[in-house]
C-alpha atoms as a PDB file:
ATOM      1  CA  MET A   1     196.523  99.543   8.873  1.00  0.00           C
ATOM      2  CA  SER A   2     192.919  98.693   8.068  1.00  0.00           C
ATOM      3  CA  ASP A   3     189.870 100.662   8.984  1.00  0.00           C
ATOM      4  CA  THR A   4     188.909  98.034  11.570  1.00  0.00           C
ATOM      5  CA  ASP A   5     192.080  98.416  13.390  1.00  0.00           C
ATOM      6  CA  ARG A   6     191.603 102.151  13.504  1.00  0.00           C
ATOM      7  CA  GLN A   7     188.030 101.879  15.091  1.00  0.00           C
ATOM      8  CA  PRO A   8     187.997 103.014  18.770  1.00  0.00           C
ATOM      9  CA  ALA A   9     186.778 100.755  21.668  1.00  0.00           C
ATOM     10  CA  HIS A  10     183.694 102.864  22.486  1.00  0.00           C
ATOM     11  CA  ASP A  11     181.523 103.840  19.614  1.00  0.00           C
ATOM     12  CA  ASP A  12     180.146 107.318  20.323  1.00  0.00           C
ATOM     13  CA  ASP A  13     178.499 107.633  16.996  1.00  0.00           C
ATOM     14  CA  PRO A  14     175.224 109.535  17.646  1.00  0.00           C
ATOM     15  CA  THR A  15     173.581 107.685  14.800  1.00  0.00           C
ATOM     16  CA  HIS A  16     173.491 104.529  16.972  1.00  0.00           C
ATOM     17  CA  ALA A  17     172.009 106.145  20.143  1.00  0.00           C
ATOM     18  CA  LEU A  18     168.471 104.943  19.505  1.00  0.00           C
ATOM     19  CA  ASP A  19     169.366 101.388  18.572  1.00  0.00           C
ATOM     20  CA  ASP A  20     167.185  98.795  20.509  1.00  0.00           C
ATOM     21  CA  PHE A  21     165.267 101.651  22.193  1.00  0.00           C
ATOM     22  CA  VAL A  22     161.888  99.996  21.652  1.00  0.00           C
ATOM     23  CA  ARG A  23     163.127  96.651  23.011  1.00  0.00           C
ATOM     24  CA  ARG A  24     164.622  98.272  26.061  1.00  0.00           C
ATOM     25  CA  MET A  25     161.508 100.334  26.895  1.00  0.00           C
ATOM     26  CA  ARG A  26     158.962  97.498  26.396  1.00  0.00           C
ATOM     27  CA  GLN A  27     157.528  96.036  29.667  1.00  0.00           C
ATOM     28  CA  PRO A  28     158.054  92.334  30.300  1.00  0.00           C
ATOM     29  CA  ALA A  29     155.127  89.999  29.549  1.00  0.00           C
ATOM     30  CA  GLY A  30     155.104  88.424  33.025  1.00  0.00           C
ATOM     31  CA  PRO A  31     153.028  89.566  36.078  1.00  0.00           C
ATOM     32  CA  PRO A  32     154.065  92.766  37.830  1.00  0.00           C
ATOM     33  CA  PRO A  33     156.295  92.397  40.838  1.00  0.00           C
ATOM     34  CA  LEU A  34     154.578  92.085  44.245  1.00  0.00           C
ATOM     35  CA  ALA A  35     154.471  95.001  46.641  1.00  0.00           C
ATOM     36  CA  PRO A  36     156.943  94.781  49.466  1.00  0.00           C
ATOM     37  CA  ASP A  37     155.702  93.404  52.814  1.00  0.00           C
ATOM     38  CA  LEU A  38     155.645  96.269  55.313  1.00  0.00           C
ATOM     39  CA  SER A  39     153.773  94.468  58.134  1.00  0.00           C
ATOM     40  CA  ASP A  40     156.878  94.239  60.316  1.00  0.00           C
ATOM     41  CA  LEU A  41     158.189  97.636  59.380  1.00  0.00           C
ATOM     42  CA  ALA A  42     157.494  99.043  62.861  1.00  0.00           C
ATOM     43  CA  ALA A  43     159.250  96.079  64.493  1.00  0.00           C
ATOM     44  CA  ARG A  44     162.260  96.498  62.214  1.00  0.00           C
ATOM     45  CA  LEU A  45     162.442 100.233  62.800  1.00  0.00           C
ATOM     46  CA  HIS A  46     161.812 100.033  66.575  1.00  0.00           C
ATOM     47  CA  PRO A  47     162.725  96.545  67.781  1.00  0.00           C
ATOM     48  CA  GLN A  48     162.489  97.517  71.471  1.00  0.00           C
ATOM     49  CA  ALA A  49     158.996  99.211  71.195  1.00  0.00           C
ATOM     50  CA  THR A  50     157.163  96.169  69.799  1.00  0.00           C
ATOM     51  CA  PRO A  51     154.573  95.108  72.449  1.00  0.00           C
ATOM     52  CA  ALA A  52     154.627  91.521  73.525  1.00  0.00           C
ATOM     53  CA  LYS A  53     151.688  89.273  72.701  1.00  0.00           C
ATOM     54  CA  PRO A  54     149.252  89.230  75.645  1.00  0.00           C
ATOM     55  CA  ARG A  55     149.282  85.987  77.521  1.00  0.00           C
ATOM     56  CA  GLY A  56     146.192  86.523  79.723  1.00  0.00           C
ATOM     57  CA  GLY A  57     144.094  88.971  81.665  1.00  0.00           C
ATOM     58  CA  VAL A  58     141.185  89.473  84.114  1.00  0.00           C
ATOM     59  CA  LEU A  59     137.542  89.726  83.067  1.00  0.00           C
ATOM     60  CA  ARG A  60     135.045  92.181  84.605  1.00  0.00           C
ATOM     61  CA  SER A  61     133.619  89.338  86.663  1.00  0.00           C
ATOM     62  CA  GLY A  62     137.030  88.790  88.279  1.00  0.00           C
ATOM     63  CA  GLN A  63     137.846  85.558  86.421  1.00  0.00           C
ATOM     64  CA  ARG A  64     141.406  85.263  85.122  1.00  0.00           C
ATOM     65  CA  TRP A  65     142.054  83.909  81.616  1.00  0.00           C
ATOM     66  CA  ASP A  66     145.140  82.709  79.779  1.00  0.00           C
ATOM     67  CA  ALA A  67     145.899  82.894  76.057  1.00  0.00           C
ATOM     68  CA  ASP A  68     146.506  79.126  75.932  1.00  0.00           C
ATOM     69  CA  ASP A  69     142.939  78.509  77.133  1.00  0.00           C
ATOM     70  CA  VAL A  70     141.393  80.424  74.239  1.00  0.00           C
ATOM     71  CA  GLU A  71     139.943  78.110  71.591  1.00  0.00           C
ATOM     72  CA  ASP A  72     138.940  79.130  68.126  1.00  0.00           C
ATOM     73  CA  VAL A  73     135.314  78.399  67.357  1.00  0.00           C
ATOM     74  CA  PRO A  74     134.199  77.495  63.872  1.00  0.00           C
ATOM     75  CA  VAL A  75     132.583  80.181  61.799  1.00  0.00           C
ATOM     76  CA  VAL A  76     128.869  79.532  61.469  1.00  0.00           C
ATOM     77  CA  GLU A  77     127.347  80.642  58.239  1.00  0.00           C
ATOM     78  CA  LEU A  78     123.794  81.838  58.887  1.00  0.00           C
ATOM     79  CA  PRO A  79     121.360  81.472  56.012  1.00  0.00           C
ATOM     80  CA  ARG A  80     120.430  84.756  54.506  1.00  0.00           C
ATOM     81  CA  PRO A  81     116.718  85.445  54.107  1.00  0.00           C
ATOM     82  CA  ALA A  82     115.411  85.459  50.612  1.00  0.00           C
ATOM     83  CA  PRO A  83     114.886  88.939  49.206  1.00  0.00           C
ATOM     84  CA  ALA A  84     111.344  90.226  49.284  1.00  0.00           C
ATOM     85  CA  ASP A  85     109.374  89.870  46.145  1.00  0.00           C
ATOM     86  CA  THR A  86     109.003  93.373  44.750  1.00  0.00           C
ATOM     87  CA  GLY A  87     107.263  92.327  41.587  1.00  0.00           C
ATOM     88  CA  ILE A  88     103.761  93.476  40.834  1.00  0.00           C
ATOM     89  CA  PRO A  89     101.259  90.609  41.299  1.00  0.00           C
ATOM     90  CA  GLN A  90      99.130  89.620  38.413  1.00  0.00           C
ATOM     91  CA  VAL A  91      95.504  90.579  39.012  1.00  0.00           C
ATOM     92  CA  THR A  92      92.799  89.254  36.766  1.00  0.00           C
ATOM     93  CA  LEU A  93      89.655  91.364  36.796  1.00  0.00           C
ATOM     94  CA  PRO A  94      86.328  90.168  35.415  1.00  0.00           C
ATOM     95  CA  ILE A  95      85.252  91.518  32.101  1.00  0.00           C
ATOM     96  CA  VAL A  96      82.636  94.240  32.495  1.00  0.00           C
ATOM     97  CA  ASP A  97      80.199  94.957  29.713  1.00  0.00           C
ATOM     98  CA  LEU A  98      79.722  98.721  30.060  1.00  0.00           C
ATOM     99  CA  GLN A  99      76.997  98.873  27.455  1.00  0.00           C
ATOM    100  CA  ALA A 100      74.890  96.215  29.184  1.00  0.00           C
ATOM    101  CA  GLU A 101      75.370  97.917  32.554  1.00  0.00           C
ATOM    102  CA  GLN A 102      74.214 101.254  31.159  1.00  0.00           C
ATOM    103  CA  LEU A 103      71.134  99.639  29.655  1.00  0.00           C
ATOM    104  CA  LEU A 104      70.204  98.000  32.951  1.00  0.00           C
ATOM    105  CA  SER A 105      70.670 101.245  34.894  1.00  0.00           C
ATOM    106  CA  ALA A 106      68.383 103.096  32.472  1.00  0.00           C
ATOM    107  CA  LEU A 107      65.487 100.688  33.080  1.00  0.00           C
ATOM    108  CA  GLN A 108      62.730 101.805  35.435  1.00  0.00           C
ATOM    109  CA  PRO A 109      62.288  99.664  38.592  1.00  0.00           C
ATOM    110  CA  ALA A 110      59.266  97.403  38.629  1.00  0.00           C
ATOM    111  CA  LEU A 111      56.948  97.792  41.631  1.00  0.00           C
ATOM    112  CA  ASP A 112      54.326  95.197  42.528  1.00  0.00           C
ATOM    113  CA  LEU A 113      51.454  97.134  44.056  1.00  0.00           C
ATOM    114  CA  PRO A 114      48.543  95.324  45.682  1.00  0.00           C
ATOM    115  CA  ALA A 115      45.227  95.424  43.943  1.00  0.00           C
ATOM    116  CA  VAL A 116      42.914  98.153  45.196  1.00  0.00           C
ATOM    117  CA  GLN A 117      39.310  97.212  45.743  1.00  0.00           C
ATOM    118  CA  ASP A 118      36.533  99.675  46.246  1.00  0.00           C
ATOM    119  CA  ALA A 119      35.006  99.666  49.697  1.00  0.00           C
ATOM    120  CA  PRO A 120      31.480  98.181  49.788  1.00  0.00           C
ATOM    121  CA  LEU A 121      28.567 100.517  50.236  1.00  0.00           C
ATOM    122  CA  PRO A 122      27.181 100.754  53.781  1.00  0.00           C
ATOM    123  CA  ASP A 123      24.360  98.351  54.578  1.00  0.00           C
ATOM    124  CA  GLY A 124      21.283 100.007  56.009  1.00  0.00           C
ATOM    125  CA  ASP A 125      20.415  97.093  58.296  1.00  0.00           C
ATOM    126  CA  ALA A 126      23.978  96.929  59.720  1.00  0.00           C
ATOM    127  CA  LEU A 127      24.009 100.687  60.332  1.00  0.00           C
ATOM    128  CA  ALA A 128      20.680 100.526  62.156  1.00  0.00           C
ATOM    129  CA  ALA A 129      21.880  97.596  64.302  1.00  0.00           C
ATOM    130  CA  ALA A 130      25.041  99.502  65.319  1.00  0.00           C
ATOM    131  CA  THR A 131      23.035 102.579  66.227  1.00  0.00           C
ATOM    132  CA  ARG A 132      20.574 100.532  68.250  1.00  0.00           C
ATOM    133  CA  GLY A 133      23.388  98.805  70.175  1.00  0.00           C
ATOM    134  CA  ALA A 134      24.975 102.137  71.103  1.00  0.00           C
ATOM    135  CA  ARG A 135      21.630 103.500  72.258  1.00  0.00           C
ATOM    136  CA  ASP A 136      20.932 100.448  74.458  1.00  0.00           C
ATOM    137  CA  PHE A 137      24.430 100.644  76.048  1.00  0.00           C
ATOM    138  CA  ALA A 138      23.961 104.322  76.900  1.00  0.00           C
ATOM    139  CA  ALA A 139      20.568 103.588  78.455  1.00  0.00           C
ATOM    140  CA  SER A 140      22.058 100.822  80.632  1.00  0.00           C
ATOM    141  CA  GLN A 141      24.727 103.228  81.907  1.00  0.00           C
ATOM    142  CA  TRP A 142      22.038 105.753  82.886  1.00  0.00           C
ATOM    143  CA  ASP A 143      20.169 103.051  84.750  1.00  0.00           C
ATOM    144  CA  SER A 144      23.328 101.977  86.640  1.00  0.00           C
ATOM    145  CA  ASP A 145      24.060 105.550  87.709  1.00  0.00           C
ATOM    146  CA  ALA A 146      20.480 105.984  88.923  1.00  0.00           C
ATOM    147  CA  LEU A 147      20.636 102.792  91.041  1.00  0.00           C
ATOM    148  CA  ALA A 148      23.996 103.841  92.516  1.00  0.00           C
ATOM    149  CA  ALA A 149      22.600 107.239  93.500  1.00  0.00           C
ATOM    150  CA  ASP A 150      19.629 105.657  95.301  1.00  0.00           C
ATOM    151  CA  GLY A 151      21.747 103.074  97.221  1.00  0.00           C
ATOM    152  CA  PRO A 152      23.971 103.608 100.296  1.00  0.00           C
ATOM    153  CA  VAL A 153      27.450 105.134  99.870  1.00  0.00           C
ATOM    154  CA  TRP A 154      30.175 102.460  99.626  1.00  0.00           C
ATOM    155  CA  GLN A 155      32.677 102.393 102.502  1.00  0.00           C
ATOM    156  CA  PRO A 156      36.088 100.673 102.288  1.00  0.00           C
ATOM    157  CA  ASP A 157      36.934  97.764 104.551  1.00  0.00           C
ATOM    158  CA  PRO A 158      38.994  98.929 107.565  1.00  0.00           C
ATOM    159  CA  THR A 159      41.118  95.788 107.309  1.00  0.00           C
ATOM    160  CA  ALA A 160      41.996  96.671 103.721  1.00  0.00           C
ATOM    161  CA  LEU A 161      43.121 100.148 104.811  1.00  0.00           C
ATOM    162  CA  GLN A 162      45.530  98.786 107.421  1.00  0.00           C
ATOM    163  CA  LEU A 163      48.951  99.836 106.144  1.00  0.00           C
ATOM    164  CA  ARG A 164      50.976  97.900 108.705  1.00  0.00           C
ATOM    165  CA  PRO A 165      50.922  94.120 108.378  1.00  0.00           C
ATOM    166  CA  ALA A 166      49.972  91.989 111.318  1.00  0.00           C
ATOM    167  CA  ALA A 167      52.809  91.546 113.809  1.00  0.00           C
ATOM    168  CA  ASN A 168      54.511  88.147 113.876  1.00  0.00           C
ATOM    169  CA  PRO A 169      54.169  86.648 117.368  1.00  0.00           C
ATOM    170  CA  ARG A 170      57.677  85.178 117.069  1.00  0.00           C
ATOM    171  CA  LEU A 171      59.153  88.669 116.579  1.00  0.00           C
ATOM    172  CA  PRO A 172      58.419  90.560 119.813  1.00  0.00           C
ATOM    173  CA  ALA A 173      58.929  94.306 119.875  1.00  0.00           C
ATOM    174  CA  HIS A 174      60.763  94.079 123.242  1.00  0.00           C
ATOM    175  CA  TRP A 175      63.272  91.598 124.558  1.00  0.00           C
ATOM    176  CA  GLN A 176      61.868  88.591 126.410  1.00  0.00           C
ATOM    177  CA  LEU A 177      63.558  85.980 128.526  1.00  0.00           C
ATOM    178  CA  GLY A 178      64.652  82.997 126.419  1.00  0.00           C
ATOM    179  CA  ALA A 179      64.501  84.877 123.090  1.00  0.00           C
ATOM    180  CA  TRP A 180      67.240  84.919 120.526  1.00  0.00           C
ATOM    181  CA  VAL A 181      68.978  88.262 119.922  1.00  0.00           C
ATOM    182  CA  GLY A 182      69.547  89.507 116.398  1.00  0.00           C
ATOM    183  CA  ALA A 183      71.182  92.547 114.819  1.00  0.00           C
ATOM    184  CA  LEU A 184      70.429  93.715 111.287  1.00  0.00           C
ATOM    185  CA  ARG A 185      72.318  96.297 109.220  1.00  0.00           C
ATOM    186  CA  GLN A 186      72.438  97.172 105.529  1.00  0.00           C
ATOM    187  CA  VAL A 187      75.824  96.394 103.959  1.00  0.00           C
ATOM    188  CA  PHE A 188      75.410  97.986 100.519  1.00  0.00           C
ATOM    189  CA  ASP A 189      72.655  99.425  98.370  1.00  0.00           C
ATOM    190  CA  SER A 190      71.111  97.867  95.271  1.00  0.00           C
ATOM    191  CA  ALA A 191      73.610  96.850  92.596  1.00  0.00           C
ATOM    192  CA  THR A 192      73.633  95.949  88.908  1.00  0.00           C
ATOM    193  CA  GLU A 193      75.670  93.360  87.044  1.00  0.00           C
ATOM    194  CA  PHE A 194      76.073  92.328  83.402  1.00  0.00           C
ATOM    195  CA  VAL A 195      75.035  88.700  82.869  1.00  0.00           C
ATOM    196  CA  THR A 196      74.922  86.474  79.800  1.00  0.00           C
ATOM    197  CA  THR A 197      71.540  84.978  78.949  1.00  0.00           C
ATOM    198  CA  ALA A 198      70.163  82.903  76.084  1.00  0.00           C
ATOM    199  CA  ASN A 199      69.078  86.122  74.362  1.00  0.00           C
ATOM    200  CA  GLY A 200      72.436  87.852  74.802  1.00  0.00           C
ATOM    201  CA  PRO A 201      73.964  90.115  77.481  1.00  0.00           C
ATOM    202  CA  ALA A 202      71.574  91.718  79.944  1.00  0.00           C
ATOM    203  CA  VAL A 203      71.726  93.898  83.050  1.00  0.00           C
ATOM    204  CA  GLU A 204      70.679  92.174  86.290  1.00  0.00           C
ATOM    205  CA  THR A 205      69.520  94.355  89.200  1.00  0.00           C
ATOM    206  CA  TYR A 206      69.904  93.116  92.785  1.00  0.00           C
ATOM    207  CA  ALA A 207      68.129  94.361  95.886  1.00  0.00           C
ATOM    208  CA  PRO A 208      70.012  95.939  98.817  1.00  0.00           C
ATOM    209  CA  HIS A 209      71.901  93.410 100.970  1.00  0.00           C
ATOM    210  CA  ARG A 210      71.750  93.296 104.765  1.00  0.00           C
ATOM    211  CA  LEU A 211      73.967  91.556 107.302  1.00  0.00           C
ATOM    212  CA  LEU A 212      72.135  89.503 109.940  1.00  0.00           C
ATOM    213  CA  LEU A 213      73.885  88.410 113.142  1.00  0.00           C
ATOM    214  CA  LEU A 214      72.173  86.058 115.648  1.00  0.00           C
ATOM    215  CA  TRP A 215      73.025  85.130 119.245  1.00  0.00           C
ATOM    216  CA  PRO A 216      71.345  82.389 121.306  1.00  0.00           C
ATOM    217  CA  PRO A 217      69.381  83.337 124.445  1.00  0.00           C
ATOM    218  CA  GLN A 218      71.654  85.288 126.809  1.00  0.00           C
ATOM    219  CA  GLY A 219      69.979  84.426 130.094  1.00  0.00           C
ATOM    220  CA  ASP A 220      68.644  87.400 132.004  1.00  0.00           C
ATOM    221  CA  THR A 221      70.314  90.080 129.848  1.00  0.00           C
ATOM    222  CA  PRO A 222      69.896  90.945 126.167  1.00  0.00           C
ATOM    223  CA  ALA A 223      73.508  92.125 125.728  1.00  0.00           C
ATOM    224  CA  PRO A 224      75.160  89.825 123.161  1.00  0.00           C
ATOM    225  CA  GLY A 225      78.823  88.868 123.056  1.00  0.00           C
ATOM    226  CA  ARG A 226      81.355  89.804 120.390  1.00  0.00           C
ATOM    227  CA  TRP A 227      81.168  86.516 118.476  1.00  0.00           C
ATOM    228  CA  PRO A 228      77.716  85.743 116.982  1.00  0.00           C
ATOM    229  CA  GLN A 229      76.242  82.276 116.671  1.00  0.00           C
ATOM    230  CA  GLN A 230      75.090  82.848 113.083  1.00  0.00           C
ATOM    231  CA  ALA A 231      75.997  85.331 110.327  1.00  0.00           C
ATOM    232  CA  ARG A 232      74.007  85.599 107.122  1.00  0.00           C
ATOM    233  CA  LEU A 233      73.839  87.921 104.102  1.00  0.00           C
ATOM    234  CA  LEU A 234      70.204  88.637 103.125  1.00  0.00           C
ATOM    235  CA  ASP A 235      69.008  90.209  99.876  1.00  0.00           C
ATOM    236  CA  VAL A 236      65.475  90.994 101.091  1.00  0.00           C
ATOM    237  CA  ALA A 237      63.724  94.185 102.131  1.00  0.00           C
ATOM    238  CA  ALA A 238      63.940  95.407 105.711  1.00  0.00           C
ATOM    239  CA  ALA A 239      60.342  94.348 106.451  1.00  0.00           C
ATOM    240  CA  GLU A 240      61.088  90.791 105.243  1.00  0.00           C
ATOM    241  CA  ALA A 241      64.412  90.396 107.065  1.00  0.00           C
ATOM    242  CA  GLY A 242      62.779  89.319 110.346  1.00  0.00           C
ATOM    243  CA  PRO A 243      60.657  86.473 108.869  1.00  0.00           C
ATOM    244  CA  ALA A 244      63.692  85.378 106.801  1.00  0.00           C
ATOM    245  CA  ALA A 245      65.825  85.226 109.967  1.00  0.00           C
ATOM    246  CA  LEU A 246      63.279  82.912 111.670  1.00  0.00           C
ATOM    247  CA  ALA A 247      64.015  80.251 109.040  1.00  0.00           C
ATOM    248  CA  GLY A 248      67.418  79.533 110.638  1.00  0.00           C
ATOM    249  CA  LEU A 249      66.123  79.264 114.243  1.00  0.00           C
ATOM    250  CA  PRO A 250      64.595  76.299 116.043  1.00  0.00           C
ATOM    251  CA  GLU A 251      60.871  75.839 115.573  1.00  0.00           C
ATOM    252  CA  GLY A 252      58.862  78.143 117.826  1.00  0.00           C
ATOM    253  CA  ALA A 253      61.895  80.158 118.959  1.00  0.00           C
ATOM    254  CA  LEU A 254      61.461  83.894 119.563  1.00  0.00           C
ATOM    255  CA  LEU A 255      63.726  86.495 117.960  1.00  0.00           C
ATOM    256  CA  TRP A 256      64.260  90.027 119.212  1.00  0.00           C
ATOM    257  CA  LEU A 257      65.945  92.340 116.706  1.00  0.00           C
ATOM    258  CA  MET A 258      68.029  94.996 118.445  1.00  0.00           C
ATOM    259  CA  PRO A 259      66.957  98.539 117.487  1.00  0.00           C
ATOM    260  CA  ASP A 260      70.490  99.868 118.070  1.00  0.00           C
ATOM    261  CA  GLY A 261      73.566  97.988 116.878  1.00  0.00           C
ATOM    262  CA  SER A 262      76.242 100.604 117.496  1.00  0.00           C
ATOM    263  CA  ASP A 263      78.143  98.316 119.891  1.00  0.00           C
ATOM    264  CA  ILE A 264      78.197  95.369 117.458  1.00  0.00           C
ATOM    265  CA  ASP A 265      81.441  94.410 115.726  1.00  0.00           C
ATOM    266  CA  TRP A 266      79.991  94.578 112.195  1.00  0.00           C
ATOM    267  CA  ALA A 267      83.393  94.188 110.550  1.00  0.00           C
ATOM    268  CA  LEU A 268      83.814  90.815 112.274  1.00  0.00           C
ATOM    269  CA  GLY A 269      80.372  89.634 111.110  1.00  0.00           C
ATOM    270  CA  ALA A 270      81.104  90.701 107.514  1.00  0.00           C
ATOM    271  CA  GLU A 271      84.442  88.848 107.588  1.00  0.00           C
ATOM    272  CA  LEU A 272      82.671  85.692 108.783  1.00  0.00           C
ATOM    273  CA  VAL A 273      80.360  85.807 105.771  1.00  0.00           C
ATOM    274  CA  LEU A 274      83.153  86.755 103.362  1.00  0.00           C
ATOM    275  CA  HIS A 275      85.513  83.939 104.374  1.00  0.00           C
ATOM    276  CA  HIS A 276      82.976  81.133 104.796  1.00  0.00           C
ATOM    277  CA  THR A 277      80.501  81.671 101.929  1.00  0.00           C
ATOM    278  CA  PRO A 278      81.915  80.163  98.714  1.00  0.00           C
ATOM    279  CA  GLY A 279      79.036  81.155  96.406  1.00  0.00           C
ATOM    280  CA  LEU A 280      79.339  84.926  96.662  1.00  0.00           C
ATOM    281  CA  ARG A 281      79.095  86.914  93.439  1.00  0.00           C
ATOM    282  CA  PRO A 282      81.741  89.525  92.523  1.00  0.00           C
ATOM    283  CA  PHE A 283      79.549  92.496  93.466  1.00  0.00           C
ATOM    284  CA  GLN A 284      78.788  90.872  96.860  1.00  0.00           C
ATOM    285  CA  ILE A 285      82.510  90.361  97.551  1.00  0.00           C
ATOM    286  CA  ASP A 286      83.294  93.964  96.623  1.00  0.00           C
ATOM    287  CA  GLY A 287      80.403  95.236  98.770  1.00  0.00           C
ATOM    288  CA  LEU A 288      81.509  93.246 101.824  1.00  0.00           C
ATOM    289  CA  ARG A 289      85.119  94.415 101.489  1.00  0.00           C
ATOM    290  CA  ALA A 290      84.063  98.042 101.211  1.00  0.00           C
ATOM    291  CA  PHE A 291      81.772  97.634 104.241  1.00  0.00           C
ATOM    292  CA  ILE A 292      84.612  96.102 106.313  1.00  0.00           C
ATOM    293  CA  ALA A 293      86.949  98.966 105.385  1.00  0.00           C
ATOM    294  CA  SER A 294      84.362 101.604 106.326  1.00  0.00           C
ATOM    295  CA  GLN A 295      83.665  99.929 109.686  1.00  0.00           C
ATOM    296  CA  ARG A 296      87.366  99.812 110.551  1.00  0.00           C
ATOM    297  CA  GLU A 297      87.706 103.498 109.719  1.00  0.00           C
ATOM    298  CA  ALA A 298      84.687 104.282 111.914  1.00  0.00           C
ATOM    299  CA  VAL A 299      86.171 102.298 114.832  1.00  0.00           C
ATOM    300  CA  PHE A 300      89.498 104.111 114.453  1.00  0.00           C
ATOM    301  CA  ALA A 301      87.753 107.486 114.460  1.00  0.00           C
ATOM    302  CA  ARG A 302      85.766 106.469 117.526  1.00  0.00           C
ATOM    303  CA  ILE A 303      88.937 105.396 119.376  1.00  0.00           C
ATOM    304  CA  ASN A 304      90.731 108.584 118.412  1.00  0.00           C
ATOM    305  CA  ALA A 305      87.872 110.828 119.508  1.00  0.00           C
ATOM    306  CA  GLY A 306      86.643 108.890 122.569  1.00  0.00           C
ATOM    307  CA  TYR A 307      89.897 108.243 124.466  1.00  0.00           C
ATOM    308  CA  HIS A 308      92.972 110.221 125.421  1.00  0.00           C
ATOM    309  CA  GLN A 309      95.960 110.193 127.772  1.00  0.00           C
ATOM    310  CA  PRO A 310      95.812 113.294 129.953  1.00  0.00           C
ATOM    311  CA  VAL A 311      99.186 112.689 131.641  1.00  0.00           C
ATOM    312  CA  PRO A 312     102.248 111.342 129.785  1.00  0.00           C
ATOM    313  CA  GLY A 313     102.943 107.827 131.016  1.00  0.00           C
ATOM    314  CA  GLY A 314      99.531 107.620 132.692  1.00  0.00           C
ATOM    315  CA  ALA A 315      96.430 105.602 131.894  1.00  0.00           C
ATOM    316  CA  VAL A 316      94.366 106.094 128.756  1.00  0.00           C
ATOM    317  CA  LEU A 317      90.991 107.465 129.836  1.00  0.00           C
ATOM    318  CA  ARG A 318      87.684 107.845 128.151  1.00  0.00           C
ATOM    319  CA  ARG A 319      86.727 111.392 127.338  1.00  0.00           C
END
């Protein structure tokens, strides 16, 4: 029997244990195997717990929606803004000659002074003439004082001393039959306003404004009604308001200005001027509105203090 025939089926020779070890341990040259897909692991582990895909719902506004109505919109790529330039800008500065600048700063400034001339010597003839003129003027003043002392004492003209101007015959001091009735009241005091002129902004000052109400002749009584015939806003002094009011009356008509206007509806007269005068300035509009508000408050206070209801459900009586 040969040695081959005596060799067993399995060679357990330890000398051959490391044969092809390097080949067997070397990794294959191809790509590594992909990781297993575990996305449906939960569905495979719990097939009954997998939630169904929603088919619809209700919005907060109450509108119902269905999954089949949902449409995919295209993705819009918005342009990205360019990054800010963080580089340092190039600045070119002029060349400065330090030596020349130092030389110029060391120079003394040049001053052009006017030429000084010596004053001329006084002239004897001119000095004598000036002295003689002063002496003659003083002598004339002495002569004038002497003549004034010998003459009568000067008295002022009585007409010039009259402080009150002559009364206008068309403005009687008392009511007369056939005369117009007027009421005058100051609305607001003097005011200032900034205006633009050719020389720039300036402050304009305005005189106090007065409200003038006029009623035609009332027959045999001077009591006027509630609604005046005329309403005007005057920016004149109180002494000039009467002559200014005559300009709106018929020629030769008389005007009696009421000394007491407590029963006049001044708020109504101010509203007539405010609503029907288009050329009012801002300070005039503000003054009229403030005057109307103050008059309404005064009327309310007068009603509250002058009337009362002594018995509940009874008549309102005057106090």
